[in-house]
């Protein structure tokens, strides 16, 4: 999923960050005037980079020294507390927030979203990437960069505008052809996430139980919270039309799903 726009007429800057096993793209626009001095922008981007590195250090299932890996090994108490190893109180607070969100997501989606179903016991990446991208966008805004798009491997959070009187526009790829767009929509001050195989390959694990197969070929969700967009898009990818009832419990979110049959599309608002 991409943020589509023509070359901006306003001042702009693009920053690429290799982290979380992918590349996070940060687009900054000077819609209301020139961008701040280069040194100020560099300082803010360095702070965003440090935050993203911290997220990786706490949540990466590929790092043996992460909190997630300790949880997977059973080295953490059921409710992690401060003072665990080299991790700060903020690290532990992040982990508890993410753990609680994943538990709520699994319950709301009736198990269609289940980070505990993966090999190794727990992988919160299906929530963390969106949650962290949103935090990066908010950090940039708080430090004076009010028109930004953070694209974390296709999961988007935007703030402000893409250009003068031009909103950010999201392009959704075809499930079998990432270079062909099947849908686009403006996104103002919110987030969007797509679950499917066109961007990241076959990375979604079926949780089993009542969900023996995928209910959709692709699911895109937009709404106010990036983490929940990720949870809901994964849940709809698994549940398909059977997830419409629980999806409706969260107002403010919209979905655009490609059915398993042909290229039929169903929407949820």
Foldseek 3Di string as FASTA:
>chain_A
DDFDDDDAPFDKDWDWDDAPPFIKIKIFGPQVHHDPDPVLVVVLVVVLNVLRVLLCQAAPCVDCNHVNVCVLVVVADPQHQAPDPPDHRVSSVVVNVLVVVQVVLCVLLVNLRHQQLDPSGGHSPLQSQQQSQQVSLVSCVVSPRFFMWIQDLNKIFTGDAPHHVHATKDFDADQVARVHGDDMDGDYRWIKHKDAANRPHPPQDGSDDVQPDFFFRMKMKIFHGSSVNSSVRSSCRRCPPVRQVSVVVDPGMKMWTQGPPDRDIDIHD
